[in-house]
PDB file of all heavy atoms in Angstrom:
ATOM      1  N   ASP A   1       0.815  -1.217   0.000  1.00  0.00           N
ATOM      2  CA  ASP A   1       0.000   0.000   0.000  1.00  0.00           C
ATOM      3  C   ASP A   1       0.850   1.269   0.000  1.00  0.00           C
ATOM      4  O   ASP A   1       0.314   2.374  -0.094  1.00  0.00           O
ATOM      5  CB  ASP A   1      -0.941   0.015   1.206  1.00  0.00           C
ATOM      6  CG  ASP A   1      -1.934  -1.132   1.169  1.00  0.00           C
ATOM      7  OD1 ASP A   1      -2.311  -1.564   0.060  1.00  0.00           O
ATOM      8  OD2 ASP A   1      -2.312  -1.610   2.257  1.00  0.00           O
ATOM      9  N   LYS A   2       2.154   1.089   0.147  1.00  0.00           N
ATOM     10  CA  LYS A   2       3.137   2.187   0.079  1.00  0.00           C
ATOM     11  C   LYS A   2       2.988   3.218   1.198  1.00  0.00           C
ATOM     12  O   LYS A   2       3.515   4.314   1.100  1.00  0.00           O
ATOM     13  CB  LYS A   2       3.119   2.854  -1.295  1.00  0.00           C
ATOM     14  CG  LYS A   2       3.383   1.874  -2.422  1.00  0.00           C
ATOM     15  CD  LYS A   2       3.156   2.494  -3.778  1.00  0.00           C
ATOM     16  CE  LYS A   2       3.246   1.471  -4.879  1.00  0.00           C
ATOM     17  NZ  LYS A   2       2.111   0.555  -4.941  1.00  0.00           N
ATOM     18  N   GLU A   3       2.309   2.873   2.267  1.00  0.00           N
ATOM     19  CA  GLU A   3       2.125   3.812   3.370  1.00  0.00           C
ATOM     20  C   GLU A   3       3.441   4.095   4.090  1.00  0.00           C
ATOM     21  O   GLU A   3       3.749   5.239   4.412  1.00  0.00           O
ATOM     22  CB  GLU A   3       1.080   3.280   4.348  1.00  0.00           C
ATOM     23  CG  GLU A   3      -0.324   3.292   3.769  1.00  0.00           C
ATOM     24  CD  GLU A   3      -1.355   2.690   4.699  1.00  0.00           C
ATOM     25  OE1 GLU A   3      -1.055   2.517   5.902  1.00  0.00           O
ATOM     26  OE2 GLU A   3      -2.460   2.394   4.228  1.00  0.00           O
ATOM     27  N   VAL A   4       4.213   3.056   4.363  1.00  0.00           N
ATOM     28  CA  VAL A   4       5.491   3.239   5.048  1.00  0.00           C
ATOM     29  C   VAL A   4       6.510   3.867   4.094  1.00  0.00           C
ATOM     30  O   VAL A   4       7.292   4.731   4.499  1.00  0.00           O
ATOM     31  CB  VAL A   4       5.991   1.898   5.628  1.00  0.00           C
ATOM     32  CG1 VAL A   4       7.376   2.043   6.246  1.00  0.00           C
ATOM     33  CG2 VAL A   4       4.991   1.382   6.663  1.00  0.00           C
ATOM     34  N   LEU A   5       6.476   3.468   2.832  1.00  0.00           N
ATOM     35  CA  LEU A   5       7.366   4.083   1.831  1.00  0.00           C
ATOM     36  C   LEU A   5       7.151   5.597   1.788  1.00  0.00           C
ATOM     37  O   LEU A   5       8.113   6.371   1.712  1.00  0.00           O
ATOM     38  CB  LEU A   5       7.107   3.489   0.445  1.00  0.00           C
ATOM     39  CG  LEU A   5       7.333   1.991   0.287  1.00  0.00           C
ATOM     40  CD1 LEU A   5       6.878   1.532  -1.090  1.00  0.00           C
ATOM     41  CD2 LEU A   5       8.782   1.627   0.531  1.00  0.00           C
ATOM     42  N   LYS A   6       5.909   6.011   1.857  1.00  0.00           N
ATOM     43  CA  LYS A   6       5.593   7.443   1.846  1.00  0.00           C
ATOM     44  C   LYS A   6       5.990   8.093   3.172  1.00  0.00           C
ATOM     45  O   LYS A   6       6.515   9.208   3.183  1.00  0.00           O
ATOM     46  CB  LYS A   6       4.110   7.668   1.552  1.00  0.00           C
ATOM     47  CG  LYS A   6       3.743   7.317   0.121  1.00  0.00           C
ATOM     48  CD  LYS A   6       2.252   7.418  -0.112  1.00  0.00           C
ATOM     49  CE  LYS A   6       1.886   6.963  -1.511  1.00  0.00           C
ATOM     50  NZ  LYS A   6       0.430   6.948  -1.722  1.00  0.00           N
ATOM     51  N   ALA A   7       5.750   7.421   4.291  1.00  0.00           N
ATOM     52  CA  ALA A   7       6.103   7.975   5.594  1.00  0.00           C
ATOM     53  C   ALA A   7       7.608   8.218   5.706  1.00  0.00           C
ATOM     54  O   ALA A   7       8.041   9.199   6.312  1.00  0.00           O
ATOM     55  CB  ALA A   7       5.632   7.051   6.717  1.00  0.00           C
ATOM     56  N   TYR A   8       8.395   7.343   5.099  1.00  0.00           N
ATOM     57  CA  TYR A   8       9.847   7.487   5.112  1.00  0.00           C
ATOM     58  C   TYR A   8      10.352   8.311   3.921  1.00  0.00           C
ATOM     59  O   TYR A   8      11.551   8.451   3.739  1.00  0.00           O
ATOM     60  CB  TYR A   8      10.528   6.116   5.153  1.00  0.00           C
ATOM     61  CG  TYR A   8      10.589   5.552   6.560  1.00  0.00           C
ATOM     62  CD1 TYR A   8       9.502   4.887   7.115  1.00  0.00           C
ATOM     63  CD2 TYR A   8      11.721   5.715   7.343  1.00  0.00           C
ATOM     64  CE1 TYR A   8       9.544   4.379   8.404  1.00  0.00           C
ATOM     65  CE2 TYR A   8      11.783   5.211   8.635  1.00  0.00           C
ATOM     66  CZ  TYR A   8      10.686   4.554   9.154  1.00  0.00           C
ATOM     67  OH  TYR A   8      10.747   4.065  10.444  1.00  0.00           O
ATOM     68  N   THR A   9       9.427   8.826   3.133  1.00  0.00           N
ATOM     69  CA  THR A   9       9.693   9.721   1.991  1.00  0.00           C
ATOM     70  C   THR A   9      10.611   9.105   0.935  1.00  0.00           C
ATOM     71  O   THR A   9      11.380   9.799   0.279  1.00  0.00           O
ATOM     72  CB  THR A   9      10.248  11.101   2.446  1.00  0.00           C
ATOM     73  OG1 THR A   9      11.563  10.952   2.976  1.00  0.00           O
ATOM     74  CG2 THR A   9       9.313  11.771   3.447  1.00  0.00           C
ATOM     75  N   VAL A  10      10.501   7.790   0.749  1.00  0.00           N
ATOM     76  CA  VAL A  10      11.303   7.126  -0.280  1.00  0.00           C
ATOM     77  C   VAL A  10      10.481   6.835  -1.539  1.00  0.00           C
ATOM     78  O   VAL A  10      11.031   6.377  -2.535  1.00  0.00           O
ATOM     79  CB  VAL A  10      11.963   5.833   0.247  1.00  0.00           C
ATOM     80  CG1 VAL A  10      12.875   6.154   1.422  1.00  0.00           C
ATOM     81  CG2 VAL A  10      10.940   4.783   0.634  1.00  0.00           C
ATOM     82  N   TRP A  11       9.171   7.079  -1.488  1.00  0.00           N
ATOM     83  CA  TRP A  11       8.292   6.936  -2.658  1.00  0.00           C
ATOM     84  C   TRP A  11       8.317   8.289  -3.360  1.00  0.00           C
ATOM     85  O   TRP A  11       7.705   9.251  -2.899  1.00  0.00           O
ATOM     86  CB  TRP A  11       6.888   6.541  -2.225  1.00  0.00           C
ATOM     87  CG  TRP A  11       5.951   6.246  -3.349  1.00  0.00           C
ATOM     88  CD1 TRP A  11       4.889   6.996  -3.743  1.00  0.00           C
ATOM     89  CD2 TRP A  11       5.980   5.124  -4.236  1.00  0.00           C
ATOM     90  NE1 TRP A  11       4.257   6.416  -4.800  1.00  0.00           N
ATOM     91  CE2 TRP A  11       4.903   5.262  -5.141  1.00  0.00           C
ATOM     92  CE3 TRP A  11       6.811   4.013  -4.365  1.00  0.00           C
ATOM     93  CZ2 TRP A  11       4.640   4.337  -6.141  1.00  0.00           C
ATOM     94  CZ3 TRP A  11       6.550   3.096  -5.358  1.00  0.00           C
ATOM     95  CH2 TRP A  11       5.482   3.256  -6.219  1.00  0.00           C
ATOM     96  N   GLN A  12       9.074   8.363  -4.448  1.00  0.00           N
ATOM     97  CA  GLN A  12       9.341   9.646  -5.085  1.00  0.00           C
ATOM     98  C   GLN A  12       9.275   9.551  -6.600  1.00  0.00           C
ATOM     99  O   GLN A  12       9.280   8.457  -7.158  1.00  0.00           O
ATOM    100  CB  GLN A  12      10.742  10.147  -4.699  1.00  0.00           C
ATOM    101  CG  GLN A  12      10.941  10.383  -3.243  1.00  0.00           C
ATOM    102  CD  GLN A  12      12.379  10.791  -2.929  1.00  0.00           C
ATOM    103  OE1 GLN A  12      13.150  11.147  -3.806  1.00  0.00           O
ATOM    104  NE2 GLN A  12      12.735  10.736  -1.658  1.00  0.00           N
ATOM    105  N   LYS A  13       9.286  10.732  -7.219  1.00  0.00           N
ATOM    106  CA  LYS A  13       9.369  10.786  -8.676  1.00  0.00           C
ATOM    107  C   LYS A  13      10.748  10.305  -9.101  1.00  0.00           C
ATOM    108  O   LYS A  13      11.759  10.679  -8.515  1.00  0.00           O
ATOM    109  CB  LYS A  13       9.162  12.214  -9.196  1.00  0.00           C
ATOM    110  CG  LYS A  13       7.723  12.624  -9.281  1.00  0.00           C
ATOM    111  CD  LYS A  13       7.566  13.874 -10.105  1.00  0.00           C
ATOM    112  CE  LYS A  13       7.758  15.090  -9.233  1.00  0.00           C
ATOM    113  NZ  LYS A  13       7.449  16.333  -9.930  1.00  0.00           N
ATOM    114  N   LYS A  14      10.743   9.454 -10.121  1.00  0.00           N
ATOM    115  CA  LYS A  14      11.984   8.949 -10.697  1.00  0.00           C
ATOM    116  C   LYS A  14      11.896   9.124 -12.208  1.00  0.00           C
ATOM    117  O   LYS A  14      10.810   9.293 -12.759  1.00  0.00           O
ATOM    118  CB  LYS A  14      12.162   7.465 -10.349  1.00  0.00           C
ATOM    119  CG  LYS A  14      12.342   7.203  -8.873  1.00  0.00           C
ATOM    120  CD  LYS A  14      12.327   5.736  -8.536  1.00  0.00           C
ATOM    121  CE  LYS A  14      13.613   5.059  -8.882  1.00  0.00           C
ATOM    122  NZ  LYS A  14      13.692   3.668  -8.407  1.00  0.00           N
ATOM    123  N   SER A  15      13.027   9.050 -12.855  1.00  0.00           N
ATOM    124  CA  SER A  15      13.072   9.177 -14.304  1.00  0.00           C
ATOM    125  C   SER A  15      13.958   8.080 -14.871  1.00  0.00           C
ATOM    126  O   SER A  15      15.056   7.823 -14.344  1.00  0.00           O
ATOM    127  CB  SER A  15      13.625  10.554 -14.678  1.00  0.00           C
ATOM    128  OG  SER A  15      13.757  10.657 -16.069  1.00  0.00           O
ATOM    129  N   LEU A  16      13.480   7.421 -15.901  1.00  0.00           N
ATOM    130  CA  LEU A  16      14.259   6.382 -16.567  1.00  0.00           C
ATOM    131  C   LEU A  16      13.979   6.470 -18.061  1.00  0.00           C
ATOM    132  O   LEU A  16      12.811   6.374 -18.475  1.00  0.00           O
ATOM    133  CB  LEU A  16      13.878   4.998 -16.022  1.00  0.00           C
ATOM    134  CG  LEU A  16      14.648   3.811 -16.577  1.00  0.00           C
ATOM    135  CD1 LEU A  16      16.130   3.905 -16.198  1.00  0.00           C
ATOM    136  CD2 LEU A  16      14.063   2.517 -16.050  1.00  0.00           C
ATOM    137  N   TYR A  17      15.013   6.675 -18.828  1.00  0.00           N
ATOM    138  CA  TYR A  17      14.890   6.793 -20.292  1.00  0.00           C
ATOM    139  C   TYR A  17      13.849   7.840 -20.680  1.00  0.00           C
ATOM    140  O   TYR A  17      13.070   7.643 -21.597  1.00  0.00           O
ATOM    141  CB  TYR A  17      14.558   5.445 -20.926  1.00  0.00           C
ATOM    142  CG  TYR A  17      15.549   4.363 -20.586  1.00  0.00           C
ATOM    143  CD1 TYR A  17      15.150   3.229 -19.891  1.00  0.00           C
ATOM    144  CD2 TYR A  17      16.884   4.486 -20.935  1.00  0.00           C
ATOM    145  CE1 TYR A  17      16.057   2.235 -19.559  1.00  0.00           C
ATOM    146  CE2 TYR A  17      17.807   3.494 -20.602  1.00  0.00           C
ATOM    147  CZ  TYR A  17      17.382   2.379 -19.930  1.00  0.00           C
ATOM    148  OH  TYR A  17      18.280   1.407 -19.607  1.00  0.00           O
ATOM    149  N   GLY A  18      13.836   8.954 -19.943  1.00  0.00           N
ATOM    150  CA  GLY A  18      12.929  10.052 -20.247  1.00  0.00           C
ATOM    151  C   GLY A  18      11.516   9.883 -19.724  1.00  0.00           C
ATOM    152  O   GLY A  18      10.694  10.786 -19.836  1.00  0.00           O
ATOM    153  N   ARG A  19      11.221   8.730 -19.142  1.00  0.00           N
ATOM    154  CA  ARG A  19       9.893   8.475 -18.585  1.00  0.00           C
ATOM    155  C   ARG A  19       9.904   8.814 -17.102  1.00  0.00           C
ATOM    156  O   ARG A  19      10.791   8.395 -16.365  1.00  0.00           O
ATOM    157  CB  ARG A  19       9.533   6.998 -18.791  1.00  0.00           C
ATOM    158  CG  ARG A  19       8.125   6.635 -18.391  1.00  0.00           C
ATOM    159  CD  ARG A  19       7.801   5.188 -18.756  1.00  0.00           C
ATOM    160  NE  ARG A  19       8.428   4.235 -17.866  1.00  0.00           N
ATOM    161  CZ  ARG A  19       7.891   3.778 -16.739  1.00  0.00           C
ATOM    162  NH1 ARG A  19       6.706   4.190 -16.351  1.00  0.00           N
ATOM    163  NH2 ARG A  19       8.537   2.894 -15.998  1.00  0.00           N
ATOM    164  N   ILE A  20       8.923   9.601 -16.663  1.00  0.00           N
ATOM    165  CA  ILE A  20       8.815   9.977 -15.256  1.00  0.00           C
ATOM    166  C   ILE A  20       7.743   9.113 -14.599  1.00  0.00           C
ATOM    167  O   ILE A  20       6.657   8.935 -15.154  1.00  0.00           O
ATOM    168  CB  ILE A  20       8.481  11.475 -15.111  1.00  0.00           C
ATOM    169  CG1 ILE A  20       9.633  12.311 -15.676  1.00  0.00           C
ATOM    170  CG2 ILE A  20       8.229  11.833 -13.649  1.00  0.00           C
ATOM    171  CD1 ILE A  20       9.351  13.782 -15.733  1.00  0.00           C
ATOM    172  N   PHE A  21       8.073   8.574 -13.441  1.00  0.00           N
ATOM    173  CA  PHE A  21       7.155   7.684 -12.732  1.00  0.00           C
ATOM    174  C   PHE A  21       7.453   7.744 -11.246  1.00  0.00           C
ATOM    175  O   PHE A  21       8.492   8.273 -10.838  1.00  0.00           O
ATOM    176  CB  PHE A  21       7.294   6.247 -13.248  1.00  0.00           C
ATOM    177  CG  PHE A  21       8.690   5.691 -13.080  1.00  0.00           C
ATOM    178  CD1 PHE A  21       9.003   4.893 -11.997  1.00  0.00           C
ATOM    179  CD2 PHE A  21       9.684   5.982 -13.999  1.00  0.00           C
ATOM    180  CE1 PHE A  21      10.285   4.387 -11.826  1.00  0.00           C
ATOM    181  CE2 PHE A  21      10.973   5.482 -13.848  1.00  0.00           C
ATOM    182  CZ  PHE A  21      11.269   4.685 -12.755  1.00  0.00           C
ATOM    183  N   LEU A  22       6.544   7.228 -10.437  1.00  0.00           N
ATOM    184  CA  LEU A  22       6.776   7.128  -9.000  1.00  0.00           C
ATOM    185  C   LEU A  22       7.400   5.775  -8.692  1.00  0.00           C
ATOM    186  O   LEU A  22       7.001   4.752  -9.255  1.00  0.00           O
ATOM    187  CB  LEU A  22       5.465   7.275  -8.225  1.00  0.00           C
ATOM    188  CG  LEU A  22       4.916   8.693  -8.159  1.00  0.00           C
ATOM    189  CD1 LEU A  22       3.502   8.690  -7.585  1.00  0.00           C
ATOM    190  CD2 LEU A  22       5.820   9.590  -7.342  1.00  0.00           C
ATOM    191  N   GLY A  23       8.379   5.781  -7.810  1.00  0.00           N
ATOM    192  CA  GLY A  23       9.034   4.540  -7.432  1.00  0.00           C
ATOM    193  C   GLY A  23       9.811   4.721  -6.143  1.00  0.00           C
ATOM    194  O   GLY A  23       9.870   5.811  -5.563  1.00  0.00           O
ATOM    195  N   ILE A  24      10.424   3.638  -5.708  1.00  0.00           N
ATOM    196  CA  ILE A  24      11.199   3.640  -4.473  1.00  0.00           C
ATOM    197  C   ILE A  24      12.615   4.110  -4.773  1.00  0.00           C
ATOM    198  O   ILE A  24      13.294   3.543  -5.628  1.00  0.00           O
ATOM    199  CB  ILE A  24      11.233   2.235  -3.844  1.00  0.00           C
ATOM    200  CG1 ILE A  24       9.814   1.789  -3.486  1.00  0.00           C
ATOM    201  CG2 ILE A  24      12.137   2.214  -2.608  1.00  0.00           C
ATOM    202  CD1 ILE A  24       9.705   0.325  -3.094  1.00  0.00           C
ATOM    203  N   VAL A  25      13.039   5.145  -4.069  1.00  0.00           N
ATOM    204  CA  VAL A  25      14.416   5.619  -4.154  1.00  0.00           C
ATOM    205  C   VAL A  25      15.202   4.847  -3.100  1.00  0.00           C
ATOM    206  O   VAL A  25      14.869   4.893  -1.902  1.00  0.00           O
ATOM    207  CB  VAL A  25      14.511   7.138  -3.917  1.00  0.00           C
ATOM    208  CG1 VAL A  25      15.958   7.594  -3.871  1.00  0.00           C
ATOM    209  CG2 VAL A  25      13.745   7.888  -4.992  1.00  0.00           C
ATOM    210  N   ARG A  26      16.222   4.122  -3.543  1.00  0.00           N
ATOM    211  CA  ARG A  26      17.019   3.281  -2.642  1.00  0.00           C
ATOM    212  C   ARG A  26      17.610   4.155  -1.529  1.00  0.00           C
ATOM    213  O   ARG A  26      18.411   5.044  -1.777  1.00  0.00           O
ATOM    214  CB  ARG A  26      18.133   2.609  -3.448  1.00  0.00           C
ATOM    215  CG  ARG A  26      18.879   1.527  -2.712  1.00  0.00           C
ATOM    216  CD  ARG A  26      20.009   0.963  -3.558  1.00  0.00           C
ATOM    217  NE  ARG A  26      19.590   0.531  -4.875  1.00  0.00           N
ATOM    218  CZ  ARG A  26      19.062  -0.648  -5.182  1.00  0.00           C
ATOM    219  NH1 ARG A  26      18.859  -1.535  -4.226  1.00  0.00           N
ATOM    220  NH2 ARG A  26      18.736  -0.949  -6.417  1.00  0.00           N
ATOM    221  N   THR A  27      17.169   3.889  -0.290  1.00  0.00           N
ATOM    222  CA  THR A  27      17.540   4.723   0.861  1.00  0.00           C
ATOM    223  C   THR A  27      17.692   3.820   2.081  1.00  0.00           C
ATOM    224  O   THR A  27      16.945   2.853   2.240  1.00  0.00           O
ATOM    225  CB  THR A  27      16.433   5.764   1.150  1.00  0.00           C
ATOM    226  OG1 THR A  27      16.165   6.501  -0.041  1.00  0.00           O
ATOM    227  CG2 THR A  27      16.813   6.710   2.264  1.00  0.00           C
ATOM    228  N   THR A  28      18.660   4.153   2.931  1.00  0.00           N
ATOM    229  CA  THR A  28      18.863   3.408   4.178  1.00  0.00           C
ATOM    230  C   THR A  28      18.796   4.363   5.358  1.00  0.00           C
ATOM    231  O   THR A  28      19.337   5.468   5.292  1.00  0.00           O
ATOM    232  CB  THR A  28      20.227   2.687   4.161  1.00  0.00           C
ATOM    233  OG1 THR A  28      20.262   1.779   3.062  1.00  0.00           O
ATOM    234  CG2 THR A  28      20.474   1.925   5.456  1.00  0.00           C
ATOM    235  N   PHE A  29      18.136   3.906   6.412  1.00  0.00           N
ATOM    236  CA  PHE A  29      18.042   4.654   7.665  1.00  0.00           C
ATOM    237  C   PHE A  29      18.667   3.814   8.767  1.00  0.00           C
ATOM    238  O   PHE A  29      18.399   2.611   8.854  1.00  0.00           O
ATOM    239  CB  PHE A  29      16.581   4.912   8.051  1.00  0.00           C
ATOM    240  CG  PHE A  29      15.852   5.813   7.099  1.00  0.00           C
ATOM    241  CD1 PHE A  29      15.241   5.300   5.962  1.00  0.00           C
ATOM    242  CD2 PHE A  29      15.768   7.182   7.341  1.00  0.00           C
ATOM    243  CE1 PHE A  29      14.564   6.124   5.073  1.00  0.00           C
ATOM    244  CE2 PHE A  29      15.097   8.015   6.460  1.00  0.00           C
ATOM    245  CZ  PHE A  29      14.502   7.489   5.329  1.00  0.00           C
ATOM    246  N   ILE A  30      19.479   4.451   9.597  1.00  0.00           N
ATOM    247  CA  ILE A  30      19.899   3.809  10.843  1.00  0.00           C
ATOM    248  C   ILE A  30      19.056   4.458  11.929  1.00  0.00           C
ATOM    249  O   ILE A  30      19.053   5.687  12.091  1.00  0.00           O
ATOM    250  CB  ILE A  30      21.402   3.998  11.121  1.00  0.00           C
ATOM    251  CG1 ILE A  30      22.228   3.297  10.034  1.00  0.00           C
ATOM    252  CG2 ILE A  30      21.747   3.443  12.516  1.00  0.00           C
ATOM    253  CD1 ILE A  30      23.730   3.481  10.191  1.00  0.00           C
ATOM    254  N   ILE A  31      18.319   3.615  12.636  1.00  0.00           N
ATOM    255  CA  ILE A  31      17.417   4.067  13.695  1.00  0.00           C
ATOM    256  C   ILE A  31      18.012   3.606  15.018  1.00  0.00           C
ATOM    257  O   ILE A  31      18.386   2.433  15.165  1.00  0.00           O
ATOM    258  CB  ILE A  31      16.000   3.492  13.465  1.00  0.00           C
ATOM    259  CG1 ILE A  31      15.483   3.961  12.094  1.00  0.00           C
ATOM    260  CG2 ILE A  31      15.072   3.901  14.590  1.00  0.00           C
ATOM    261  CD1 ILE A  31      14.236   3.252  11.622  1.00  0.00           C
ATOM    262  N   ASP A  32      18.120   4.526  15.967  1.00  0.00           N
ATOM    263  CA  ASP A  32      18.762   4.180  17.236  1.00  0.00           C
ATOM    264  C   ASP A  32      17.833   3.362  18.137  1.00  0.00           C
ATOM    265  O   ASP A  32      16.680   3.069  17.786  1.00  0.00           O
ATOM    266  CB  ASP A  32      19.327   5.421  17.935  1.00  0.00           C
ATOM    267  CG  ASP A  32      18.278   6.316  18.594  1.00  0.00           C
ATOM    268  OD1 ASP A  32      17.094   5.930  18.731  1.00  0.00           O
ATOM    269  OD2 ASP A  32      18.667   7.435  18.994  1.00  0.00           O
ATOM    270  N   GLU A  33      18.353   3.015  19.299  1.00  0.00           N
ATOM    271  CA  GLU A  33      17.648   2.140  20.249  1.00  0.00           C
ATOM    272  C   GLU A  33      16.336   2.714  20.746  1.00  0.00           C
ATOM    273  O   GLU A  33      15.472   1.979  21.211  1.00  0.00           O
ATOM    274  CB  GLU A  33      18.557   1.861  21.463  1.00  0.00           C
ATOM    275  CG  GLU A  33      19.845   1.142  21.126  1.00  0.00           C
ATOM    276  CD  GLU A  33      20.999   2.043  20.676  1.00  0.00           C
ATOM    277  OE1 GLU A  33      20.784   3.252  20.422  1.00  0.00           O
ATOM    278  OE2 GLU A  33      22.123   1.537  20.572  1.00  0.00           O
ATOM    279  N   LYS A  34      16.178   4.037  20.637  1.00  0.00           N
ATOM    280  CA  LYS A  34      14.960   4.691  21.123  1.00  0.00           C
ATOM    281  C   LYS A  34      13.990   5.058  20.001  1.00  0.00           C
ATOM    282  O   LYS A  34      12.983   5.711  20.235  1.00  0.00           O
ATOM    283  CB  LYS A  34      15.333   5.944  21.914  1.00  0.00           C
ATOM    284  CG  LYS A  34      16.115   5.636  23.172  1.00  0.00           C
ATOM    285  CD  LYS A  34      16.507   6.893  23.903  1.00  0.00           C
ATOM    286  CE  LYS A  34      17.339   6.547  25.119  1.00  0.00           C
ATOM    287  NZ  LYS A  34      17.850   7.748  25.769  1.00  0.00           N
ATOM    288  N   GLY A  35      14.311   4.665  18.766  1.00  0.00           N
ATOM    289  CA  GLY A  35      13.409   4.953  17.653  1.00  0.00           C
ATOM    290  C   GLY A  35      13.657   6.294  16.984  1.00  0.00           C
ATOM    291  O   GLY A  35      12.790   6.799  16.270  1.00  0.00           O
ATOM    292  N   ILE A  36      14.837   6.856  17.175  1.00  0.00           N
ATOM    293  CA  ILE A  36      15.206   8.131  16.554  1.00  0.00           C
ATOM    294  C   ILE A  36      16.140   7.847  15.379  1.00  0.00           C
ATOM    295  O   ILE A  36      17.045   7.006  15.484  1.00  0.00           O
ATOM    296  CB  ILE A  36      15.904   9.072  17.569  1.00  0.00           C
ATOM    297  CG1 ILE A  36      15.011   9.315  18.787  1.00  0.00           C
ATOM    298  CG2 ILE A  36      16.323  10.386  16.910  1.00  0.00           C
ATOM    299  CD1 ILE A  36      13.680   9.978  18.483  1.00  0.00           C
ATOM    300  N   ILE A  37      15.942   8.556  14.279  1.00  0.00           N
ATOM    301  CA  ILE A  37      16.814   8.376  13.122  1.00  0.00           C
ATOM    302  C   ILE A  37      18.194   8.919  13.465  1.00  0.00           C
ATOM    303  O   ILE A  37      18.348  10.088  13.830  1.00  0.00           O
ATOM    304  CB  ILE A  37      16.237   9.090  11.884  1.00  0.00           C
ATOM    305  CG1 ILE A  37      14.896   8.451  11.487  1.00  0.00           C
ATOM    306  CG2 ILE A  37      17.233   9.038  10.724  1.00  0.00           C
ATOM    307  CD1 ILE A  37      14.134   9.213  10.424  1.00  0.00           C
ATOM    308  N   ALA A  38      19.200   8.040  13.358  1.00  0.00           N
ATOM    309  CA  ALA A  38      20.578   8.427  13.667  1.00  0.00           C
ATOM    310  C   ALA A  38      21.340   8.836  12.405  1.00  0.00           C
ATOM    311  O   ALA A  38      22.222   9.686  12.462  1.00  0.00           O
ATOM    312  CB  ALA A  38      21.300   7.279  14.366  1.00  0.00           C
ATOM    313  N   LYS A  39      20.985   8.228  11.269  1.00  0.00           N
ATOM    314  CA  LYS A  39      21.701   8.494  10.017  1.00  0.00           C
ATOM    315  C   LYS A  39      20.792   8.136   8.852  1.00  0.00           C
ATOM    316  O   LYS A  39      20.045   7.178   8.910  1.00  0.00           O
ATOM    317  CB  LYS A  39      22.978   7.640   9.972  1.00  0.00           C
ATOM    318  CG  LYS A  39      23.791   7.741   8.725  1.00  0.00           C
ATOM    319  CD  LYS A  39      24.811   8.841   8.813  1.00  0.00           C
ATOM    320  CE  LYS A  39      25.714   8.824   7.597  1.00  0.00           C
ATOM    321  NZ  LYS A  39      26.271  10.094   7.266  1.00  0.00           N
ATOM    322  N   VAL A  40      20.887   8.947   7.791  1.00  0.00           N
ATOM    323  CA  VAL A  40      20.142   8.683   6.558  1.00  0.00           C
ATOM    324  C   VAL A  40      21.141   8.589   5.418  1.00  0.00           C
ATOM    325  O   VAL A  40      22.022   9.435   5.276  1.00  0.00           O
ATOM    326  CB  VAL A  40      19.130   9.812   6.252  1.00  0.00           C
ATOM    327  CG1 VAL A  40      18.355   9.502   4.975  1.00  0.00           C
ATOM    328  CG2 VAL A  40      18.176  10.029   7.417  1.00  0.00           C
TER     329      VAL A  40
END
């Protein structure tokens, strides 16, 4: 349903061979022991 993808803002506009579409931008988050983002 892409709800978490959107919450983490990785569901974005992408372009491939001149075609624009929505897709997942490869992204990694390190989340600390308390649930806070430590690194993106």
